């Protein structure tokens, strides 16, 4: 596999895709570093007498894969009122508007 990555980087350099080749080098270094760190963690755990095969991590990973992750939810359109934050909201409910009472002069008899 490293030879495939090296071939890809060389092809990108000769095709004047130097930015892509830099990204490929960074990705390859990141992958190698991750693998080295994981191996170092396992070696450290084994040196302290911890055997990763004796744990239930495999079962935990299987259970985690079965849990819903929110990617299977179908999204629906949401109605938006398109008002600006500084505008007051319109009445959401219909109200019985009362007509103003006719003013009568109570002093007249």
N, C-alpha and C. Protein backbone atom coordinates (compact mmCIF):
# COMPACT_ATOMS: atom_id res chain seq x y z
N UNK A 1 0.81 -1.20 0.00
CA UNK A 1 0.00 0.00 0.00
C UNK A 1 0.85 1.27 0.00
N UNK A 2 1.97 1.31 0.78
CA UNK A 2 2.78 2.53 0.72
C UNK A 2 3.29 2.83 -0.68
N UNK A 3 3.53 1.79 -1.48
CA UNK A 3 4.01 2.05 -2.83
C UNK A 3 2.93 2.71 -3.68
N UNK A 4 1.66 2.38 -3.43
CA UNK A 4 0.57 3.03 -4.15
C UNK A 4 0.49 4.51 -3.79
N UNK A 5 0.66 4.80 -2.52
CA UNK A 5 0.62 6.20 -2.09
C UNK A 5 1.81 6.96 -2.67
N UNK A 6 2.99 6.34 -2.66
CA UNK A 6 4.18 6.99 -3.21
C UNK A 6 4.01 7.23 -4.71
N UNK A 7 3.44 6.26 -5.42
CA UNK A 7 3.21 6.43 -6.87
C UNK A 7 2.23 7.57 -7.12
N UNK A 8 1.19 7.65 -6.31
CA UNK A 8 0.21 8.72 -6.46
C UNK A 8 0.85 10.09 -6.23
N UNK A 9 1.69 10.19 -5.23
CA UNK A 9 2.36 11.46 -4.93
C UNK A 9 3.29 11.86 -6.07
N UNK A 10 4.06 10.91 -6.59
CA UNK A 10 4.97 11.20 -7.71
C UNK A 10 4.18 11.63 -8.94
N UNK A 11 3.07 10.94 -9.23
CA UNK A 11 2.24 11.31 -10.38
C UNK A 11 1.69 12.73 -10.21
N UNK A 12 1.28 13.07 -9.01
CA UNK A 12 0.74 14.40 -8.79
C UNK A 12 1.81 15.47 -8.94
N UNK A 13 3.03 15.17 -8.53
CA UNK A 13 4.11 16.15 -8.67
C UNK A 13 4.42 16.39 -10.14
N UNK A 14 4.49 15.32 -10.93
CA UNK A 14 4.82 15.48 -12.35
C UNK A 14 3.66 16.02 -13.17
N UNK A 15 2.46 15.97 -12.66
CA UNK A 15 1.30 16.53 -13.37
C UNK A 15 0.99 17.95 -12.90
N UNK A 16 1.95 18.60 -12.26
CA UNK A 16 1.79 19.96 -11.75
C UNK A 16 0.60 20.11 -10.81
N UNK A 17 0.36 19.09 -10.02
CA UNK A 17 -0.68 19.14 -8.99
C UNK A 17 0.02 19.12 -7.63
N UNK A 18 0.87 20.11 -7.44
CA UNK A 18 1.71 20.11 -6.25
C UNK A 18 0.90 20.29 -4.96
N UNK A 19 -0.17 21.04 -5.03
CA UNK A 19 -1.01 21.22 -3.83
C UNK A 19 -1.64 19.89 -3.43
N UNK A 20 -2.10 19.14 -4.43
CA UNK A 20 -2.69 17.83 -4.14
C UNK A 20 -1.63 16.87 -3.60
N UNK A 21 -0.40 16.98 -4.13
CA UNK A 21 0.66 16.09 -3.65
C UNK A 21 1.01 16.40 -2.19
N UNK A 22 0.98 17.67 -1.83
CA UNK A 22 1.24 18.04 -0.43
C UNK A 22 0.13 17.49 0.47
N UNK A 23 -1.12 17.58 0.00
CA UNK A 23 -2.23 17.02 0.77
C UNK A 23 -2.10 15.51 0.91
N UNK A 24 -1.66 14.85 -0.17
CA UNK A 24 -1.48 13.39 -0.12
C UNK A 24 -0.38 13.00 0.86
N UNK A 25 0.71 13.77 0.88
CA UNK A 25 1.79 13.50 1.83
C UNK A 25 1.29 13.67 3.25
N UNK A 26 0.52 14.73 3.49
CA UNK A 26 -0.02 14.97 4.83
C UNK A 26 -0.96 13.84 5.25
N UNK A 27 -1.80 13.38 4.31
CA UNK A 27 -2.72 12.27 4.62
C UNK A 27 -1.94 10.99 4.93
N UNK A 28 -0.90 10.72 4.14
CA UNK A 28 -0.11 9.51 4.36
C UNK A 28 0.61 9.57 5.71
N UNK A 29 1.18 10.72 6.03
CA UNK A 29 1.85 10.87 7.33
C UNK A 29 0.86 10.74 8.48
N UNK A 30 -0.33 11.27 8.30
CA UNK A 30 -1.36 11.15 9.33
C UNK A 30 -1.77 9.71 9.56
N UNK A 31 -1.92 8.96 8.47
CA UNK A 31 -2.32 7.55 8.59
C UNK A 31 -1.22 6.73 9.26
N UNK A 32 0.03 6.96 8.86
CA UNK A 32 1.14 6.22 9.46
C UNK A 32 1.28 6.57 10.94
N UNK A 33 1.12 7.84 11.26
CA UNK A 33 1.23 8.28 12.66
C UNK A 33 0.13 7.65 13.51
N UNK A 34 -1.10 7.62 12.99
CA UNK A 34 -2.21 7.02 13.73
C UNK A 34 -1.93 5.55 14.00
N UNK A 35 -1.49 4.83 12.97
CA UNK A 35 -1.18 3.40 13.16
C UNK A 35 -0.07 3.20 14.19
N UNK A 36 0.96 4.05 14.15
CA UNK A 36 2.06 3.93 15.11
C UNK A 36 1.59 4.21 16.54
N UNK A 37 0.72 5.19 16.70
CA UNK A 37 0.20 5.51 18.04
C UNK A 37 -0.65 4.36 18.57
N UNK A 38 -1.50 3.80 17.71
CA UNK A 38 -2.34 2.68 18.14
C UNK A 38 -1.47 1.49 18.56
N UNK A 39 -0.43 1.21 17.79
CA UNK A 39 0.46 0.11 18.13
C UNK A 39 1.18 0.39 19.45
N UNK A 40 1.60 1.63 19.64
CA UNK A 40 2.24 2.00 20.90
C UNK A 40 1.31 1.83 22.09
N UNK A 41 0.04 2.16 21.91
CA UNK A 41 -0.94 1.97 22.99
C UNK A 41 -1.09 0.49 23.34
N UNK A 42 -1.15 -0.35 22.32
CA UNK A 42 -1.28 -1.78 22.58
C UNK A 42 -0.04 -2.35 23.26
N UNK A 43 1.13 -1.92 22.81
CA UNK A 43 2.36 -2.39 23.45
C UNK A 43 2.44 -1.96 24.91
N UNK A 44 2.04 -0.73 25.19
CA UNK A 44 2.05 -0.23 26.56
C UNK A 44 1.07 -1.02 27.43
N UNK A 45 -0.13 -1.28 26.89
CA UNK A 45 -1.13 -2.04 27.65
C UNK A 45 -0.64 -3.46 27.93
N UNK A 46 -0.01 -4.08 26.95
CA UNK A 46 0.49 -5.44 27.16
C UNK A 46 1.64 -5.46 28.16
N UNK A 47 2.45 -4.40 28.19
CA UNK A 47 3.56 -4.37 29.14
C UNK A 47 3.06 -4.28 30.58
N UNK A 48 1.86 -3.79 30.78
CA UNK A 48 1.26 -3.71 32.11
C UNK A 48 0.34 -4.90 32.39
N UNK A 49 0.34 -5.89 31.52
CA UNK A 49 -0.44 -7.09 31.75
C UNK A 49 -1.88 -7.00 31.29
N UNK A 50 -2.19 -6.03 30.49
CA UNK A 50 -3.56 -5.86 30.00
C UNK A 50 -3.64 -6.45 28.61
N UNK A 51 -4.52 -7.41 28.42
CA UNK A 51 -4.69 -8.04 27.11
C UNK A 51 -5.98 -7.52 26.48
N UNK A 52 -5.88 -6.76 25.40
CA UNK A 52 -7.09 -6.20 24.78
C UNK A 52 -8.07 -7.27 24.29
N UNK A 53 -7.59 -8.48 24.03
CA UNK A 53 -8.48 -9.54 23.57
C UNK A 53 -9.38 -10.06 24.69
N UNK A 54 -9.02 -9.82 25.94
CA UNK A 54 -9.82 -10.28 27.08
C UNK A 54 -10.95 -9.33 27.44
N UNK A 55 -11.05 -8.22 26.76
CA UNK A 55 -12.09 -7.24 27.08
C UNK A 55 -13.31 -7.47 26.21
N UNK A 56 -14.33 -6.73 26.48
CA UNK A 56 -15.57 -6.81 25.70
C UNK A 56 -15.65 -5.68 24.69
N UNK A 57 -14.51 -5.19 24.25
CA UNK A 57 -14.51 -4.07 23.32
C UNK A 57 -15.17 -4.43 22.00
N UNK A 58 -14.99 -5.65 21.53
CA UNK A 58 -15.63 -6.08 20.29
C UNK A 58 -17.14 -6.03 20.39
N UNK A 59 -17.67 -6.50 21.51
CA UNK A 59 -19.12 -6.46 21.73
C UNK A 59 -19.60 -5.02 21.82
N UNK A 60 -18.83 -4.18 22.50
CA UNK A 60 -19.20 -2.77 22.62
C UNK A 60 -19.22 -2.10 21.25
N UNK A 61 -18.27 -2.43 20.39
CA UNK A 61 -18.25 -1.86 19.05
C UNK A 61 -19.46 -2.32 18.24
N UNK A 62 -19.84 -3.59 18.37
CA UNK A 62 -21.02 -4.10 17.66
C UNK A 62 -22.28 -3.39 18.13
N UNK A 63 -22.41 -3.20 19.44
CA UNK A 63 -23.58 -2.51 19.97
C UNK A 63 -23.62 -1.05 19.52
N UNK A 64 -22.46 -0.44 19.45
CA UNK A 64 -22.40 0.95 19.00
C UNK A 64 -22.84 1.06 17.55
N UNK A 65 -22.48 0.08 16.73
CA UNK A 65 -22.88 0.09 15.33
C UNK A 65 -24.38 -0.07 15.17
N UNK A 66 -25.04 -0.72 16.13
CA UNK A 66 -26.48 -0.94 16.04
C UNK A 66 -27.29 0.27 16.50
N UNK A 67 -26.68 1.17 17.24
CA UNK A 67 -27.41 2.33 17.74
C UNK A 67 -27.71 3.31 16.61
N UNK A 68 -28.87 3.98 16.69
CA UNK A 68 -29.17 4.97 15.65
C UNK A 68 -28.25 6.17 15.78
N UNK A 69 -27.77 6.64 14.64
CA UNK A 69 -26.85 7.76 14.68
C UNK A 69 -27.44 9.03 14.07
N UNK A 70 -28.72 8.98 13.72
CA UNK A 70 -29.37 10.17 13.19
C UNK A 70 -29.26 10.33 11.69
N UNK A 71 -28.58 9.42 11.01
CA UNK A 71 -28.43 9.57 9.56
C UNK A 71 -29.61 8.98 8.80
N UNK A 72 -30.46 8.21 9.48
CA UNK A 72 -31.59 7.60 8.79
C UNK A 72 -32.87 8.41 8.94
N UNK A 73 -32.78 9.62 9.43
CA UNK A 73 -33.95 10.46 9.64
C UNK A 73 -34.25 11.21 8.35
N UNK A 74 -35.54 11.20 7.98
CA UNK A 74 -35.95 11.92 6.80
C UNK A 74 -36.35 13.33 7.22
N UNK A 75 -35.82 14.32 6.56
CA UNK A 75 -36.12 15.69 6.91
C UNK A 75 -37.30 16.19 6.09
N UNK A 76 -38.13 16.98 6.71
CA UNK A 76 -39.29 17.54 6.03
C UNK A 76 -39.12 19.04 5.94
N UNK A 77 -39.88 19.61 5.03
CA UNK A 77 -39.82 21.06 4.87
C UNK A 77 -40.43 21.74 6.09
N UNK A 78 -39.85 22.82 6.47
CA UNK A 78 -40.33 23.58 7.62
C UNK A 78 -40.86 24.90 7.11
N UNK A 79 -42.02 25.29 7.63
CA UNK A 79 -42.61 26.56 7.22
C UNK A 79 -41.90 27.70 7.94
N UNK A 80 -41.45 28.66 7.18
CA UNK A 80 -40.73 29.79 7.74
C UNK A 80 -41.54 31.05 7.49
N UNK A 81 -41.67 31.90 8.50
CA UNK A 81 -42.50 33.10 8.32
C UNK A 81 -41.74 34.26 7.68
N UNK A 82 -40.46 34.13 7.51
CA UNK A 82 -39.62 35.10 6.82
C UNK A 82 -39.68 36.51 7.40
N UNK A 83 -39.91 36.63 8.68
CA UNK A 83 -39.89 37.96 9.29
C UNK A 83 -38.50 38.22 9.84
N UNK A 84 -38.15 39.45 9.91
CA UNK A 84 -36.86 39.86 10.44
C UNK A 84 -36.93 39.91 11.97
N UNK A 85 -35.81 39.76 12.64
CA UNK A 85 -35.83 39.77 14.11
C UNK A 85 -36.36 41.07 14.71
N UNK A 86 -36.19 42.17 14.01
CA UNK A 86 -36.65 43.44 14.57
C UNK A 86 -38.14 43.68 14.31
N UNK A 87 -38.78 42.85 13.49
CA UNK A 87 -40.20 43.00 13.21
C UNK A 87 -41.01 42.24 14.25
N UNK A 88 -42.14 42.81 14.69
CA UNK A 88 -42.96 42.08 15.67
C UNK A 88 -43.66 40.90 14.99
N UNK A 89 -43.87 39.83 15.72
CA UNK A 89 -44.57 38.69 15.13
C UNK A 89 -46.04 39.00 14.90
N UNK A 90 -46.57 38.41 13.86
CA UNK A 90 -47.99 38.59 13.59
C UNK A 90 -48.78 37.72 14.55
N UNK A 91 -50.05 38.05 14.69
CA UNK A 91 -50.90 37.27 15.59
C UNK A 91 -51.02 35.86 15.04
N UNK A 92 -50.72 34.89 15.88
CA UNK A 92 -50.78 33.51 15.44
C UNK A 92 -52.18 32.94 15.54
N UNK A 93 -52.99 33.54 16.39
CA UNK A 93 -54.34 33.03 16.59
C UNK A 93 -55.33 34.12 16.20
N UNK A 94 -56.44 33.65 15.67
CA UNK A 94 -57.48 34.61 15.33
C UNK A 94 -58.17 35.05 16.61
N UNK A 95 -58.36 36.32 16.74
CA UNK A 95 -59.04 36.84 17.92
C UNK A 95 -60.30 37.56 17.48
N UNK A 96 -61.26 37.57 18.36
CA UNK A 96 -62.49 38.30 18.07
C UNK A 96 -62.20 39.78 18.29
N UNK A 97 -62.18 40.49 17.20
CA UNK A 97 -61.92 41.91 17.32
C UNK A 97 -63.21 42.60 17.74
N UNK A 98 -63.13 43.33 18.79
CA UNK A 98 -64.30 44.03 19.29
C UNK A 98 -64.32 45.42 18.67
N UNK A 99 -65.50 45.75 18.20
CA UNK A 99 -65.65 47.09 17.63
C UNK A 99 -65.72 48.08 18.78
N UNK A 100 -65.13 49.21 18.59
CA UNK A 100 -65.19 50.21 19.67
C UNK A 100 -66.64 50.63 19.93
N UNK A 101 -66.96 50.79 21.18
CA UNK A 101 -68.32 51.19 21.56
C UNK A 101 -68.55 52.63 21.13
N UNK A 102 -69.78 52.86 20.77
CA UNK A 102 -70.12 54.23 20.39
C UNK A 102 -70.09 55.08 21.65
N UNK A 103 -69.44 56.19 21.52
CA UNK A 103 -69.37 57.06 22.67
C UNK A 103 -70.68 57.84 22.80
N UNK A 104 -71.21 57.75 23.95
CA UNK A 104 -72.44 58.50 24.22
C UNK A 104 -72.15 59.50 25.32
N UNK A 105 -72.73 60.60 25.15
CA UNK A 105 -72.54 61.63 26.16
C UNK A 105 -73.52 61.36 27.28
N UNK A 106 -73.02 60.91 28.40
CA UNK A 106 -73.89 60.54 29.50
C UNK A 106 -74.45 61.75 30.23
N UNK A 107 -73.95 62.88 29.90
CA UNK A 107 -74.48 64.07 30.55
C UNK A 107 -75.79 64.50 29.94
N UNK A 108 -76.05 64.06 28.70
CA UNK A 108 -77.33 64.41 28.08
C UNK A 108 -78.42 63.57 28.71
N UNK A 109 -79.55 64.19 29.00
CA UNK A 109 -80.64 63.43 29.56
C UNK A 109 -81.81 63.39 28.65
